[in-house]
Amino acid sequence: MKAFVVEKYGKDGVRAAEVPEPTVGDRDVLVRVSAASINPLDKMVRDGEFKQLLKYRLPFVLGHDVAGVVTRVGSAVRGFEVGDEVYARPRDLRIGGFAEFIAIDMDDVAPKPASLTLEEAAAVPLVALAAWQVLVDRAHVKPGQKVLIHAGAGGLGSTVIQLAKHLGATVATTTSTDTEKLVRSLGADVVVDYKKEDFSTVLSGYDLVLDSLGGANLEKSLTVLKPGGLAISVVGPPDAGFAEQLGAPSFMGLVMNVLSRKIRKKAKALGVRYQFLFMQANGSQLRKLGALYDSGKLRPVIDSTFPFDRTLEAMAHVEQGRTKAGKVVVSMASDTEICT
């Protein structure tokens, strides 16, 4: 089958290749991929940023989001049949959405939301799961709480805004003038144009900040939290919880704590908390999220769609910051059916 594989770590490490179709285990569903989408995590994995913790065996197929049609099921699979339309964020070490077929553990798969096309559904899993795991699992957001979401027009930010609003939060976000109308339509109550204002001088008393930018932006985010508030970053620095989540040796937890010591120390001095989040595959959460898409509470935001043969171009589009808003999708449909 055709696939885009990481042959070596680094910017030029991905190439198109012919690889064997995946082996289907007892608990697996084999999915004919209809569409995938690009995530910043693809670049991070390609560049080997987590290679000490995520032990991929080179070469491996890249791609963390997928939507498609079930073509085979393992002997122990229940709840899925050949012909079902599904979507998933396959678990770490079993990614591979940039291919014609992928075998996925049944626990990571969910029925595609009926209201979404396969291309729209492919834009959803990673960012929707991250949003759920930030807002519901970690922060336990309640009605009336104040949430700040950075980069609100991005694939993650646009999803988190909608889910936070659904949960009853007052939502602030940072974005540019070009996308202010979009983020307000998604539910943002307060919009800060990061090109004109410093969010840390105009916002205060927040229960939660979701940071996807890191560095100085993360440090300033701590200052807008109320006492006991929580800052969660999806770009790091990682903490000991990340090593534990991946089942890494205990010494890696110590290493992670060293990497995050500076930001955790600043948080403690301000009377607030810091956590790193590396989202996890979860089919049952995707079912809950699918119901929210079908009820109109959530909607995908798509920047552009590329044909599968131009997957590397789609990755470059994201990496070079050319995305205006939302996700970039890669579709198996023919070029004539796709409008980029």
Protein backbone atom coordinates (compact mmCIF):
# COMPACT_ATOMS: atom_id res chain seq x y z
CA MET A 1 0.00 0.00 0.00
CA LYS A 2 1.03 3.64 -0.39
CA ALA A 3 2.12 5.44 2.78
CA PHE A 4 4.25 8.30 4.07
CA VAL A 5 6.93 6.91 6.36
CA VAL A 6 9.55 8.32 8.69
CA GLU A 7 12.81 6.80 7.46
CA LYS A 8 15.04 8.89 9.71
CA TYR A 9 14.41 11.58 12.29
CA GLY A 10 14.56 15.16 11.01
CA LYS A 11 12.89 17.60 8.65
CA ASP A 12 13.72 15.61 5.52
CA GLY A 13 13.04 12.23 7.11
CA VAL A 14 9.58 11.51 5.62
CA ARG A 15 9.03 10.06 2.16
CA ALA A 16 6.34 8.34 0.13
CA ALA A 17 6.80 4.57 0.05
CA GLU A 18 5.19 1.26 -0.78
CA VAL A 19 4.81 -0.74 2.43
CA PRO A 20 3.00 -3.96 3.37
CA GLU A 21 -0.61 -3.70 4.52
CA PRO A 22 -0.85 -3.82 8.33
CA THR A 23 -1.23 -7.09 10.21
CA VAL A 24 -4.64 -7.32 11.88
CA GLY A 25 -4.56 -8.56 15.47
CA ASP A 26 -7.43 -10.15 17.38
CA ARG A 27 -8.48 -6.80 18.87
CA ASP A 28 -7.89 -4.72 15.73
CA VAL A 29 -10.10 -3.17 13.12
CA LEU A 30 -8.55 -2.68 9.69
CA VAL A 31 -9.60 0.69 8.30
CA ARG A 32 -9.38 1.80 4.68
CA VAL A 33 -8.36 5.40 5.17
CA SER A 34 -10.62 7.99 3.58
CA ALA A 35 -8.94 11.03 5.15
CA ALA A 36 -6.35 12.04 7.72
CA SER A 37 -5.32 15.39 9.15
CA ILE A 38 -2.11 17.18 10.03
CA ASN A 39 -1.17 17.93 13.64
CA PRO A 40 1.86 19.70 15.15
CA LEU A 41 2.53 16.36 16.85
CA ASP A 42 3.37 14.87 13.43
CA LYS A 43 6.30 17.25 13.11
CA MET A 44 7.41 16.60 16.69
CA VAL A 45 7.40 12.83 16.19
CA ARG A 46 9.07 13.18 12.78
CA ASP A 47 11.84 15.23 14.36
CA GLY A 48 12.37 12.69 17.13
CA GLU A 49 11.40 15.00 19.99
CA PHE A 50 9.96 12.11 22.01
CA LYS A 51 12.27 9.34 20.79
CA GLN A 52 13.59 8.66 24.31
CA LEU A 53 10.04 7.94 25.45
CA LEU A 54 8.21 6.80 22.32
CA LYS A 55 10.34 4.00 20.91
CA TYR A 56 9.19 3.87 17.28
CA ARG A 57 11.04 1.41 15.07
CA LEU A 58 12.21 3.10 11.88
CA PRO A 59 10.76 3.17 9.31
CA PHE A 60 7.19 3.80 10.51
CA VAL A 61 4.08 5.36 9.01
CA LEU A 62 3.25 8.85 10.30
CA GLY A 63 -0.20 10.34 10.98
CA HIS A 64 -2.16 10.71 14.23
CA ASP A 65 -5.73 11.27 12.94
CA VAL A 66 -7.81 9.08 10.67
CA ALA A 67 -11.33 8.55 9.36
CA GLY A 68 -12.36 5.74 7.09
CA VAL A 69 -14.26 2.50 6.52
CA VAL A 70 -13.77 -0.78 8.35
CA THR A 71 -12.67 -3.54 5.94
CA ARG A 72 -11.80 -6.32 8.40
CA VAL A 73 -12.20 -7.02 12.13
CA GLY A 74 -10.16 -9.20 14.46
CA SER A 75 -11.67 -12.26 16.11
CA ALA A 76 -12.07 -10.54 19.50
CA VAL A 77 -13.59 -7.32 18.14
CA ARG A 78 -17.12 -6.45 19.25
CA GLY A 79 -19.19 -3.46 18.18
CA PHE A 80 -17.65 -2.91 14.76
CA GLU A 81 -18.45 -4.55 11.45
CA VAL A 82 -17.11 -4.41 7.91
CA GLY A 83 -18.52 -1.31 6.21
CA ASP A 84 -18.73 0.85 9.35
CA GLU A 85 -17.52 4.43 9.00
CA VAL A 86 -15.19 5.23 11.90
CA TYR A 87 -12.73 7.80 13.18
CA ALA A 88 -9.81 7.51 15.58
CA ARG A 89 -6.61 8.85 17.03
CA PRO A 90 -4.61 5.61 17.13
CA ARG A 91 -2.55 5.06 20.27
CA ASP A 92 1.13 5.94 20.42
CA LEU A 93 3.45 3.41 18.75
CA ARG A 94 0.51 2.39 16.51
CA ILE A 95 -0.02 5.61 14.57
CA GLY A 96 -0.10 5.53 10.77
CA GLY A 97 -2.91 7.62 9.32
CA PHE A 98 -0.88 8.73 6.28
CA ALA A 99 -1.51 5.45 4.50
CA GLU A 100 -4.16 3.62 2.50
CA PHE A 101 -4.90 1.23 5.40
CA ILE A 102 -4.33 1.22 9.15
CA ALA A 103 -4.97 -1.42 11.84
CA ILE A 104 -6.28 0.17 15.06
CA ASP A 105 -7.05 -1.31 18.47
CA MET A 106 -10.83 -1.41 18.88
CA ASP A 107 -10.60 0.61 22.12
CA ASP A 108 -9.24 3.58 20.15
CA VAL A 109 -11.97 3.62 17.47
CA ALA A 110 -15.46 5.16 17.47
CA PRO A 111 -18.27 5.44 14.95
CA LYS A 112 -17.88 8.51 12.76
CA PRO A 113 -20.32 11.28 13.78
CA ALA A 114 -23.22 10.95 11.35
CA SER A 115 -23.36 14.69 10.74
CA LEU A 116 -19.75 14.91 9.54
CA THR A 117 -18.20 13.89 6.26
CA LEU A 118 -15.20 11.57 6.44
CA GLU A 119 -12.93 14.53 5.66
CA GLU A 120 -14.49 16.57 8.48
CA ALA A 121 -14.28 13.64 10.88
CA ALA A 122 -10.57 13.23 10.14
CA ALA A 123 -9.98 16.73 11.49
CA VAL A 124 -11.48 15.89 14.86
CA PRO A 125 -9.96 13.07 16.95
CA LEU A 126 -6.68 14.41 18.34
CA VAL A 127 -7.85 17.95 19.04
CA ALA A 128 -11.23 16.86 20.40
CA LEU A 129 -9.65 14.29 22.72
CA ALA A 130 -7.10 16.86 23.89
CA ALA A 131 -9.91 19.34 24.57
CA TRP A 132 -11.86 16.74 26.57
CA GLN A 133 -8.83 15.61 28.54
CA VAL A 134 -7.87 19.20 29.39
CA LEU A 135 -11.31 20.51 30.31
CA VAL A 136 -13.08 17.44 31.71
CA ASP A 137 -10.41 15.01 32.94
CA ARG A 138 -7.78 17.44 34.23
CA ALA A 139 -9.44 20.77 35.02
CA HIS A 140 -12.99 19.55 35.80
CA VAL A 141 -14.39 22.78 34.34
CA LYS A 142 -17.67 23.89 35.89
CA PRO A 143 -20.29 26.43 34.76
CA GLY A 144 -19.23 29.97 35.58
CA GLN A 145 -15.50 29.29 35.65
CA LYS A 146 -13.16 31.42 33.55
CA VAL A 147 -10.99 29.74 30.92
CA LEU A 148 -8.29 31.32 28.74
CA ILE A 149 -7.42 29.49 25.53
CA HIS A 150 -4.42 30.64 23.55
CA ALA A 151 -4.39 30.54 19.74
CA GLY A 152 -8.15 30.21 19.58
CA ALA A 153 -8.34 29.97 15.79
CA GLY A 154 -6.05 26.94 15.63
CA GLY A 155 -7.17 23.35 15.34
CA LEU A 156 -6.90 22.76 19.08
CA GLY A 157 -7.97 26.21 20.23
CA SER A 158 -11.08 26.31 18.06
CA THR A 159 -12.20 22.98 19.53
CA VAL A 160 -11.43 23.86 23.14
CA ILE A 161 -13.38 27.13 22.87
CA GLN A 162 -16.49 25.24 21.80
CA LEU A 163 -16.23 22.54 24.45
CA ALA A 164 -15.47 25.04 27.22
CA LYS A 165 -18.52 27.05 26.21
CA HIS A 166 -20.64 23.88 26.18
CA LEU A 167 -19.44 23.18 29.73
CA GLY A 168 -20.66 26.61 30.82
CA ALA A 169 -17.36 28.45 31.14
CA THR A 170 -16.68 32.08 30.37
CA VAL A 171 -14.13 31.84 27.59
CA ALA A 172 -11.33 34.21 26.65
CA THR A 173 -8.94 33.63 23.78
CA THR A 174 -5.99 35.18 22.01
CA THR A 175 -6.04 35.51 18.24
CA SER A 176 -5.53 38.08 15.48
CA THR A 177 -7.96 40.57 13.94
CA ASP A 178 -8.41 38.30 10.91
CA THR A 179 -9.95 35.51 12.98
CA GLU A 180 -11.78 37.47 15.69
CA LYS A 181 -15.14 36.92 14.01
CA LEU A 182 -14.48 33.17 13.80
CA VAL A 183 -13.55 32.70 17.46
CA ARG A 184 -16.55 34.73 18.59
CA SER A 185 -18.80 32.52 16.44
CA LEU A 186 -17.31 29.51 18.24
CA GLY A 187 -18.22 30.93 21.63
CA ALA A 188 -15.37 33.18 22.81
CA ASP A 189 -16.67 35.86 25.20
CA VAL A 190 -13.43 37.84 25.44
CA VAL A 191 -11.04 38.19 22.51
CA VAL A 192 -7.54 39.62 22.86
CA ASP A 193 -5.71 40.55 19.66
CA TYR A 194 -2.20 39.37 20.48
CA LYS A 195 -0.74 41.73 17.88
CA LYS A 196 -2.20 44.76 19.66
CA GLU A 197 -2.45 43.81 23.34
CA ASP A 198 -0.59 41.84 25.98
CA PHE A 199 -3.15 39.41 27.39
CA SER A 200 -1.43 39.40 30.78
CA THR A 201 -2.18 43.11 31.27
CA VAL A 202 -5.90 42.87 30.48
CA LEU A 203 -6.94 39.49 31.93
CA SER A 204 -6.99 38.25 35.52
CA GLY A 205 -8.75 35.82 37.85
CA TYR A 206 -8.85 32.83 35.51
CA ASP A 207 -9.43 29.27 36.70
CA LEU A 208 -7.66 27.64 33.76
CA VAL A 209 -5.26 28.58 30.99
CA LEU A 210 -4.57 26.26 28.06
CA ASP A 211 -1.20 27.07 26.50
CA SER A 212 -0.15 25.78 23.10
CA LEU A 213 2.71 28.22 22.50
CA GLY A 214 5.13 27.67 25.38
CA GLY A 215 8.07 29.83 26.44
CA ALA A 216 7.33 33.38 27.57
CA ASN A 217 3.66 32.95 26.71
CA LEU A 218 3.37 30.12 29.24
CA GLU A 219 5.18 32.08 31.93
CA LYS A 220 2.89 35.09 31.46
CA SER A 221 -0.12 32.78 31.51
CA LEU A 222 0.60 31.92 35.14
CA THR A 223 0.02 35.55 36.11
CA VAL A 224 -3.60 35.67 34.91
CA LEU A 225 -4.67 32.73 37.08
CA LYS A 226 -6.50 33.14 40.35
CA PRO A 227 -4.97 31.49 43.45
CA GLY A 228 -5.10 27.72 42.97
CA GLY A 229 -5.69 28.11 39.23
CA LEU A 230 -4.24 25.69 36.71
CA ALA A 231 -2.09 26.24 33.61
CA ILE A 232 -1.95 23.29 31.22
CA SER A 233 0.50 23.26 28.32
CA VAL A 234 0.40 20.87 25.38
CA VAL A 235 3.87 21.88 24.18
CA GLY A 236 5.81 21.54 27.41
CA PRO A 237 7.97 21.52 29.28
CA PRO A 238 6.97 17.95 30.24
CA ASP A 239 6.60 16.90 33.87
CA ALA A 240 6.89 13.61 35.74
CA GLY A 241 3.28 12.77 34.94
CA PHE A 242 4.20 12.48 31.26
CA ALA A 243 6.84 9.83 31.93
CA GLU A 244 4.41 7.96 34.16
CA GLN A 245 1.69 8.11 31.49
CA LEU A 246 4.02 6.49 28.98
CA GLY A 247 5.18 3.85 31.44
CA ALA A 248 8.76 5.10 31.26
CA PRO A 249 11.39 4.12 33.85
CA SER A 250 11.25 6.12 37.09
CA PHE A 251 14.45 8.01 36.32
CA MET A 252 12.72 9.56 33.28
CA GLY A 253 10.20 11.10 35.67
CA LEU A 254 13.09 12.79 37.44
CA VAL A 255 14.41 14.03 34.10
CA MET A 256 10.99 15.42 33.19
CA ASN A 257 10.76 17.19 36.54
CA VAL A 258 14.14 18.80 35.93
CA LEU A 259 12.93 20.04 32.54
CA SER A 260 9.82 21.60 34.09
CA ARG A 261 11.40 22.79 37.34
CA LYS A 262 11.59 26.45 36.31
CA ILE A 263 7.93 26.78 35.35
CA ARG A 264 6.72 24.73 38.32
CA LYS A 265 8.76 26.93 40.66
CA LYS A 266 7.21 30.08 39.16
CA ALA A 267 3.74 28.58 39.46
CA LYS A 268 4.29 27.68 43.12
CA ALA A 269 5.52 31.20 43.90
CA LEU A 270 2.30 32.60 42.42
CA GLY A 271 0.11 30.10 44.27
CA VAL A 272 -1.01 28.39 41.06
CA ARG A 273 -0.39 25.02 39.39
CA TYR A 274 1.26 23.78 36.20
CA GLN A 275 0.71 20.53 34.28
CA PHE A 276 1.83 19.16 30.93
CA LEU A 277 -0.72 17.27 28.84
CA PHE A 278 0.08 14.69 26.19
CA MET A 279 -3.30 13.50 24.99
CA GLN A 280 -4.18 9.81 24.92
CA ALA A 281 -6.16 7.69 22.48
CA ASN A 282 -9.66 6.93 23.80
CA GLY A 283 -12.51 5.52 21.73
CA SER A 284 -15.13 5.89 24.46
CA GLN A 285 -14.40 9.60 24.75
CA LEU A 286 -14.65 9.90 20.96
CA ARG A 287 -18.17 8.43 21.19
CA LYS A 288 -19.17 11.14 23.67
CA LEU A 289 -17.57 13.81 21.52
CA GLY A 290 -19.26 12.41 18.42
CA ALA A 291 -22.64 12.99 20.08
CA LEU A 292 -21.66 16.63 20.67
CA TYR A 293 -20.79 17.06 16.99
CA ASP A 294 -24.07 15.45 15.93
CA SER A 295 -26.05 17.69 18.29
CA GLY A 296 -24.40 20.82 16.89
CA LYS A 297 -22.56 21.69 20.11
CA LEU A 298 -19.24 21.25 18.32
CA ARG A 299 -18.18 21.71 14.72
CA PRO A 300 -14.86 21.13 12.97
CA VAL A 301 -12.92 24.08 11.58
CA ILE A 302 -11.01 23.18 8.41
CA ASP A 303 -8.40 25.40 6.80
CA SER A 304 -7.80 23.43 3.61
CA THR A 305 -7.80 19.96 2.09
CA PHE A 306 -4.94 18.35 0.17
CA PRO A 307 -4.96 15.13 -1.87
CA PHE A 308 -3.09 12.21 -0.32
CA ASP A 309 -0.22 12.41 -2.82
CA ARG A 310 0.51 15.91 -1.49
CA THR A 311 0.75 14.91 2.17
CA LEU A 312 4.27 16.35 2.50
CA GLU A 313 2.99 19.63 1.08
CA ALA A 314 0.15 19.59 3.60
CA MET A 315 2.64 19.08 6.43
CA ALA A 316 4.74 21.98 5.15
CA HIS A 317 1.63 24.17 4.98
CA VAL A 318 1.11 23.66 8.71
CA GLU A 319 4.78 23.78 9.68
CA GLN A 320 5.35 27.07 7.86
CA GLY A 321 2.43 28.74 9.62
CA ARG A 322 0.32 29.19 6.50
CA THR A 323 -2.82 27.85 8.17
CA LYS A 324 -5.38 30.63 8.60
CA ALA A 325 -7.69 28.73 10.98
CA GLY A 326 -8.46 25.17 12.00
CA LYS A 327 -7.06 21.92 10.62
CA VAL A 328 -5.46 20.83 7.37
CA VAL A 329 -6.95 17.59 6.00
CA VAL A 330 -5.46 15.02 3.64
CA SER A 331 -8.07 13.22 1.55
CA MET A 332 -7.98 10.00 -0.46
CA ALA A 333 -10.50 11.50 -2.88
CA SER A 334 -9.15 12.34 -6.32
CA ASP A 335 -7.64 15.76 -7.05
CA THR A 336 -10.72 16.77 -9.04
CA GLU A 337 -12.92 16.26 -5.98
CA ILE A 338 -10.79 18.41 -3.68
CA CYS A 339 -10.83 22.16 -3.32
CA THR A 340 -7.77 23.28 -1.36
